[in-house]
Amino acid sequence: MVKAGDQNQEQSQYWLAVFGAAAAVTAWGSAGVVIRHIDMGGLAVAVYRFWIYAIALGVWMGARGTRIDLRILRHTMAGGIALALDVALFFSAVKETTIANATVIGALQPIVVGAVAWRFFGERIRGRQILLAAIALMAVTTVILGGASDNQASLFGDLLAVGALFAWSGYFIFSKASRDVLTPAEFTLGTALWTAALNTPLALLFGQDLSWPTTSDWGWLLLLAFGAGIVGHTAMNWSLVRIPLWLGSTFTLLIPVAGTSLAWLFLDEALKPVQIVAMFVVIGALAALVVDQTTADGAQPAPADPEVQRPAVEPT
């Protein structure tokens, strides 16, 4: 029998994780607005962003007594490679195809992750949850395409975006799979180190200028690193331990909504009426999805304190 206190604790953990996921996607959505102020190439920005937040997070964890060792790098290699590939492929995709096409393809992530969550993590997704997620996906496509202003699409660029889609999905999957081996902060640190290390030579290969940023660029880079980097990745990885993987992935549909809203607010970018309606549909569908999950028979809440759980013997 599940005690009332345990149920309340599980519900509390669930709602904290929901707010954590919402904070993460909002932070990621702000990245586009911040990057507009940085006079550097996309991959160069990524290199500085990941090195800054990896070093900052490592210093913070070290000060708290966390041992930074090869164990973290070993268990985050797959997730780090996935995240590094996502950054490189998406950067390449937007050079070859429209930003709208690349973003819409990326928005298909919940489909990929949902299939894996059902097959390998035993997560059950009910019919009405699939319907709500589909409504949110269609609405976010409207938000993205409603603001598109060019038609320079290409099949090669679209294929690169598909590669980024699977890499981004892999990052989420590896984050969930690491829950019994690493804390969310350790996973965030390790993947940031891998991403920074792998994207540095890629940036040079693509001819990106990695010279010392200007004072103005440093301010925006720090904001990007601590916002979209530390807040975004740490909050989402923390949340994925406590909510179903498919639900955390579906939250990424809010990234274009947050990005479009912030661009309208801070960059004076126009918003069409159809985009505004679609954004409210996305938010409403996701809110209904979150509430519905609280009564789902297949919901599998995580332990109350996964941060301190470790296997007796590390898996090889």
Protein backbone atom coordinates (compact mmCIF):
# COMPACT_ATOMS: atom_id res chain seq x y z
CA MET A 1 0.00 0.00 0.00
CA VAL A 2 1.26 3.45 -0.95
CA LYS A 3 1.12 5.84 1.98
CA ALA A 4 -0.54 9.24 1.59
CA GLY A 5 2.72 10.94 2.54
CA ASP A 6 4.57 9.09 -0.20
CA GLN A 7 1.90 10.04 -2.74
CA ASN A 8 2.13 13.69 -1.74
CA GLN A 9 5.90 13.59 -2.04
CA GLU A 10 5.67 12.00 -5.48
CA GLN A 11 3.17 14.63 -6.62
CA SER A 12 5.40 17.38 -5.25
CA GLN A 13 8.40 15.96 -7.11
CA TYR A 14 6.31 15.69 -10.29
CA TRP A 15 5.17 19.32 -10.22
CA LEU A 16 8.66 20.58 -9.38
CA ALA A 17 9.96 18.62 -12.37
CA VAL A 18 7.23 20.08 -14.59
CA PHE A 19 8.25 23.60 -13.60
CA GLY A 20 11.90 22.62 -14.10
CA ALA A 21 11.20 21.42 -17.64
CA ALA A 22 9.24 24.60 -18.36
CA ALA A 23 12.17 26.69 -17.09
CA ALA A 24 14.58 24.70 -19.26
CA VAL A 25 12.69 25.16 -22.53
CA THR A 26 12.13 28.85 -21.77
CA ALA A 27 15.88 29.26 -21.23
CA TRP A 28 16.59 27.41 -24.49
CA GLY A 29 14.00 29.53 -26.28
CA SER A 30 15.82 32.69 -25.16
CA ALA A 31 19.04 31.53 -26.84
CA GLY A 32 18.02 32.86 -30.26
CA VAL A 33 17.41 36.35 -28.86
CA VAL A 34 20.75 36.40 -27.04
CA ILE A 35 22.71 35.08 -30.03
CA ARG A 36 21.40 37.96 -32.17
CA HIS A 37 23.55 40.28 -30.03
CA ILE A 38 26.76 38.25 -30.45
CA ASP A 39 28.97 39.09 -33.41
CA MET A 40 30.35 35.57 -33.86
CA GLY A 41 29.60 32.52 -35.99
CA GLY A 42 27.10 29.94 -34.72
CA LEU A 43 29.61 27.19 -33.95
CA ALA A 44 32.03 29.68 -32.38
CA VAL A 45 29.24 30.79 -30.05
CA ALA A 46 28.55 27.13 -29.20
CA VAL A 47 32.22 26.49 -28.39
CA TYR A 48 32.46 29.42 -25.98
CA ARG A 49 29.03 28.70 -24.52
CA PHE A 50 29.79 25.08 -23.64
CA TRP A 51 33.31 25.74 -22.36
CA ILE A 52 32.07 28.58 -20.12
CA TYR A 53 29.24 26.65 -18.55
CA ALA A 54 31.23 23.42 -18.26
CA ILE A 55 34.00 25.23 -16.35
CA ALA A 56 31.54 27.20 -14.20
CA LEU A 57 29.50 24.10 -13.36
CA GLY A 58 32.65 22.09 -12.65
CA VAL A 59 33.95 24.73 -10.23
CA TRP A 60 30.59 24.88 -8.45
CA MET A 61 30.34 21.10 -8.14
CA GLY A 62 33.94 20.82 -6.99
CA ALA A 63 33.31 23.42 -4.29
CA ARG A 64 30.39 21.31 -3.09
CA GLY A 65 32.60 18.25 -2.75
CA THR A 66 31.72 16.41 -5.97
CA ARG A 67 34.65 14.45 -7.32
CA ILE A 68 35.23 15.32 -11.00
CA ASP A 69 36.82 12.22 -12.50
CA LEU A 70 36.95 9.96 -15.54
CA ARG A 71 33.84 8.15 -14.35
CA ILE A 72 31.75 11.18 -15.35
CA LEU A 73 33.38 11.43 -18.78
CA ARG A 74 32.99 7.70 -19.37
CA HIS A 75 29.28 7.59 -18.56
CA THR A 76 28.48 10.80 -20.46
CA MET A 77 30.38 10.07 -23.66
CA ALA A 78 27.31 8.91 -25.62
CA GLY A 79 25.19 11.84 -24.44
CA GLY A 80 28.02 14.29 -25.10
CA ILE A 81 28.58 13.00 -28.63
CA ALA A 82 24.83 13.22 -29.28
CA LEU A 83 24.67 16.83 -28.06
CA ALA A 84 27.81 17.80 -30.01
CA LEU A 85 26.34 16.28 -33.19
CA ASP A 86 23.08 18.12 -32.62
CA VAL A 87 24.91 21.46 -32.38
CA ALA A 88 27.07 20.80 -35.46
CA LEU A 89 24.29 19.33 -37.63
CA PHE A 90 21.72 21.99 -36.79
CA PHE A 91 24.28 24.74 -37.47
CA SER A 92 25.02 23.14 -40.84
CA ALA A 93 21.33 22.60 -41.59
CA VAL A 94 20.38 26.28 -41.22
CA LYS A 95 23.18 27.14 -43.65
CA GLU A 96 21.64 24.85 -46.29
CA THR A 97 17.89 25.06 -45.72
CA THR A 98 15.40 27.44 -44.14
CA ILE A 99 15.39 28.01 -40.39
CA ALA A 100 11.67 27.19 -40.50
CA ASN A 101 12.31 23.78 -42.08
CA ALA A 102 15.11 22.95 -39.65
CA THR A 103 13.01 24.01 -36.65
CA VAL A 104 9.90 22.11 -37.76
CA ILE A 105 11.96 18.96 -38.29
CA GLY A 106 13.50 19.42 -34.83
CA ALA A 107 10.01 19.75 -33.36
CA LEU A 108 9.37 16.12 -34.31
CA GLN A 109 11.57 15.03 -31.39
CA PRO A 110 8.65 13.90 -29.17
CA ILE A 111 7.73 11.27 -31.78
CA VAL A 112 11.23 9.76 -31.79
CA VAL A 113 11.65 9.96 -28.03
CA GLY A 114 8.13 8.72 -27.35
CA ALA A 115 8.76 5.55 -29.36
CA VAL A 116 11.99 4.87 -27.46
CA ALA A 117 10.38 5.67 -24.09
CA TRP A 118 7.60 3.16 -24.79
CA ARG A 119 9.91 0.43 -26.12
CA PHE A 120 12.90 0.65 -23.77
CA PHE A 121 11.71 2.48 -20.66
CA GLY A 122 8.26 0.90 -20.38
CA GLU A 123 6.48 4.26 -20.39
CA ARG A 124 2.79 4.01 -21.26
CA ILE A 125 1.26 6.80 -23.32
CA ARG A 126 -2.50 6.94 -23.44
CA GLY A 127 -4.54 7.74 -26.53
CA ARG A 128 -5.68 11.16 -25.38
CA GLN A 129 -2.11 12.05 -24.44
CA ILE A 130 -1.01 11.23 -27.99
CA LEU A 131 -3.87 13.39 -29.29
CA LEU A 132 -2.88 16.33 -27.08
CA ALA A 133 0.78 16.01 -28.12
CA ALA A 134 -0.28 15.90 -31.80
CA ILE A 135 -2.35 19.06 -31.36
CA ALA A 136 0.62 20.80 -29.74
CA LEU A 137 2.92 19.63 -32.57
CA MET A 138 0.56 20.93 -35.29
CA ALA A 139 0.15 24.22 -33.47
CA VAL A 140 3.89 24.75 -33.00
CA THR A 141 4.38 24.03 -36.71
CA THR A 142 1.95 26.86 -37.39
CA VAL A 143 3.94 29.16 -35.08
CA ILE A 144 7.17 28.37 -36.93
CA LEU A 145 5.89 28.46 -40.49
CA GLY A 146 3.79 31.54 -39.78
CA GLY A 147 6.96 33.53 -39.26
CA ALA A 148 8.92 32.07 -42.18
CA SER A 149 9.98 34.64 -44.76
CA ASP A 150 12.18 32.77 -47.24
CA ASN A 151 12.04 29.68 -49.42
CA GLN A 152 15.68 28.66 -49.73
CA ALA A 153 15.03 25.08 -48.67
CA SER A 154 17.14 22.16 -49.87
CA LEU A 155 16.91 18.41 -49.47
CA PHE A 156 20.49 18.22 -48.20
CA GLY A 157 19.81 20.83 -45.53
CA ASP A 158 16.62 19.04 -44.52
CA LEU A 159 18.56 15.77 -44.17
CA LEU A 160 21.09 17.51 -41.93
CA ALA A 161 18.17 18.71 -39.80
CA VAL A 162 16.91 15.12 -39.57
CA GLY A 163 20.36 14.12 -38.31
CA ALA A 164 20.17 16.89 -35.71
CA LEU A 165 16.71 15.63 -34.73
CA PHE A 166 18.01 12.14 -33.92
CA ALA A 167 21.08 13.54 -32.14
CA TRP A 168 18.91 15.83 -29.96
CA SER A 169 16.60 12.90 -29.23
CA GLY A 170 19.61 10.79 -28.27
CA TYR A 171 20.72 13.42 -25.75
CA PHE A 172 17.37 13.16 -23.94
CA ILE A 173 17.41 9.37 -24.04
CA PHE A 174 20.95 9.12 -22.66
CA SER A 175 20.05 11.63 -19.94
CA LYS A 176 17.20 9.41 -18.77
CA ALA A 177 19.33 6.27 -19.02
CA SER A 178 22.06 7.79 -16.81
CA ARG A 179 19.76 8.23 -13.80
CA ASP A 180 21.14 5.21 -11.89
CA VAL A 181 24.79 6.06 -12.54
CA LEU A 182 25.12 9.85 -12.40
CA THR A 183 23.37 12.78 -10.78
CA PRO A 184 21.74 15.23 -13.23
CA ALA A 185 24.49 17.78 -12.49
CA GLU A 186 27.20 15.22 -13.31
CA PHE A 187 25.48 14.32 -16.58
CA THR A 188 25.14 18.01 -17.48
CA LEU A 189 28.81 18.67 -16.72
CA GLY A 190 30.10 15.63 -18.61
CA THR A 191 28.04 16.26 -21.74
CA ALA A 192 29.04 19.93 -21.75
CA LEU A 193 32.73 18.96 -21.65
CA TRP A 194 32.29 16.47 -24.50
CA THR A 195 30.32 18.98 -26.57
CA ALA A 196 32.86 21.76 -26.06
CA ALA A 197 35.81 19.48 -26.84
CA LEU A 198 34.23 18.01 -29.99
CA ASN A 199 32.86 21.26 -31.38
CA THR A 200 36.14 23.17 -31.02
CA PRO A 201 37.87 21.38 -33.94
CA LEU A 202 34.59 21.35 -35.89
CA ALA A 203 34.33 25.13 -35.56
CA LEU A 204 37.87 25.48 -36.92
CA LEU A 205 37.03 23.07 -39.74
CA PHE A 206 34.03 25.21 -40.70
CA GLY A 207 36.23 28.31 -40.71
CA GLN A 208 34.76 29.86 -37.57
CA ASP A 209 36.71 32.65 -35.89
CA LEU A 210 37.50 31.54 -32.32
CA SER A 211 39.51 34.63 -31.42
CA TRP A 212 38.94 36.36 -28.07
CA PRO A 213 35.43 37.90 -27.99
CA THR A 214 34.83 41.61 -27.47
CA THR A 215 33.74 42.91 -24.07
CA SER A 216 30.17 43.25 -25.31
CA ASP A 217 30.16 39.71 -26.72
CA TRP A 218 31.53 38.36 -23.43
CA GLY A 219 28.53 39.74 -21.57
CA TRP A 220 26.08 38.05 -23.93
CA LEU A 221 28.11 34.83 -23.96
CA LEU A 222 28.00 34.67 -20.17
CA LEU A 223 24.23 35.25 -20.23
CA LEU A 224 23.86 32.50 -22.83
CA ALA A 225 26.10 30.09 -20.93
CA PHE A 226 24.40 30.55 -17.58
CA GLY A 227 20.87 30.82 -19.01
CA ALA A 228 20.46 28.37 -21.88
CA GLY A 229 23.47 26.41 -20.65
CA ILE A 230 23.49 25.86 -16.90
CA VAL A 231 19.82 26.66 -16.21
CA GLY A 232 18.47 24.99 -19.35
CA HIS A 233 20.43 21.75 -19.35
CA THR A 234 20.63 21.25 -15.60
CA ALA A 235 16.91 21.91 -15.12
CA MET A 236 15.88 19.53 -17.91
CA ASN A 237 18.25 16.75 -16.84
CA TRP A 238 17.03 17.12 -13.25
CA SER A 239 13.42 16.97 -14.43
CA LEU A 240 13.89 13.93 -16.68
CA VAL A 241 14.73 11.86 -13.59
CA ARG A 242 11.34 12.72 -12.11
CA ILE A 243 8.90 12.79 -15.05
CA PRO A 244 8.36 10.43 -17.98
CA LEU A 245 10.90 10.81 -20.77
CA TRP A 246 8.21 11.35 -23.41
CA LEU A 247 6.65 14.17 -21.38
CA GLY A 248 9.96 15.98 -20.95
CA SER A 249 10.55 15.67 -24.69
CA THR A 250 7.09 17.04 -25.49
CA PHE A 251 7.94 20.13 -23.44
CA THR A 252 10.52 21.04 -26.12
CA LEU A 253 7.56 22.15 -28.26
CA LEU A 254 7.53 25.25 -26.07
CA ILE A 255 11.00 26.30 -27.31
CA PRO A 256 9.73 27.92 -30.54
CA VAL A 257 6.86 29.50 -28.58
CA ALA A 258 9.25 31.01 -26.02
CA GLY A 259 11.70 32.08 -28.72
CA THR A 260 9.03 33.74 -30.86
CA SER A 261 7.49 35.51 -27.86
CA LEU A 262 10.85 36.82 -26.64
CA ALA A 263 11.82 37.96 -30.15
CA TRP A 264 8.55 39.92 -30.33
CA LEU A 265 9.16 41.40 -26.88
CA PHE A 266 12.85 42.31 -27.15
CA LEU A 267 13.62 42.43 -30.91
CA ASP A 268 10.34 43.94 -32.16
CA GLU A 269 9.77 41.01 -34.50
CA ALA A 270 6.25 40.91 -35.88
CA LEU A 271 3.73 38.33 -34.69
CA LYS A 272 0.88 37.31 -36.98
CA PRO A 273 -2.56 36.65 -35.47
CA VAL A 274 -2.41 33.00 -36.53
CA GLN A 275 0.88 32.61 -34.63
CA ILE A 276 -0.61 34.11 -31.47
CA VAL A 277 -3.59 31.74 -31.62
CA ALA A 278 -1.30 28.78 -32.31
CA MET A 279 0.93 29.64 -29.33
CA PHE A 280 -2.05 29.61 -26.99
CA VAL A 281 -3.07 26.24 -28.46
CA VAL A 282 0.42 24.84 -27.77
CA ILE A 283 0.39 26.08 -24.18
CA GLY A 284 -3.16 24.83 -23.60
CA ALA A 285 -2.46 21.40 -25.06
CA LEU A 286 0.70 20.96 -22.99
CA ALA A 287 -1.06 22.16 -19.83
CA ALA A 288 -3.81 19.58 -20.42
CA LEU A 289 -1.14 16.95 -21.04
CA VAL A 290 0.62 17.73 -17.76
CA VAL A 291 -2.62 17.53 -15.78
CA ASP A 292 -3.69 14.34 -17.54
CA GLN A 293 -0.36 12.68 -16.64
CA THR A 294 -1.11 13.10 -12.93
CA THR A 295 -3.93 10.56 -13.30
CA ALA A 296 -2.25 8.31 -15.86
CA ASP A 297 -2.25 4.65 -14.90
CA GLY A 298 1.14 4.29 -16.52
CA ALA A 299 2.81 7.11 -14.68
CA GLN A 300 5.99 5.91 -13.01
CA PRO A 301 7.21 8.50 -10.52
CA ALA A 302 10.88 8.45 -9.68
CA PRO A 303 12.25 7.92 -6.19
CA ALA A 304 11.93 10.93 -3.95
CA ASP A 305 15.67 11.62 -3.84
CA PRO A 306 17.38 10.23 -6.95
CA GLU A 307 20.34 12.56 -6.44
CA VAL A 308 21.92 10.29 -3.85
CA GLN A 309 21.19 6.92 -5.40
CA ARG A 310 24.15 5.04 -6.82
CA PRO A 311 24.55 1.43 -7.91
CA ALA A 312 26.66 -0.73 -5.63
CA VAL A 313 28.82 -1.67 -8.63
CA GLU A 314 29.25 0.67 -11.56
CA PRO A 315 28.06 -0.82 -14.85
CA THR A 316 30.72 -1.38 -17.45
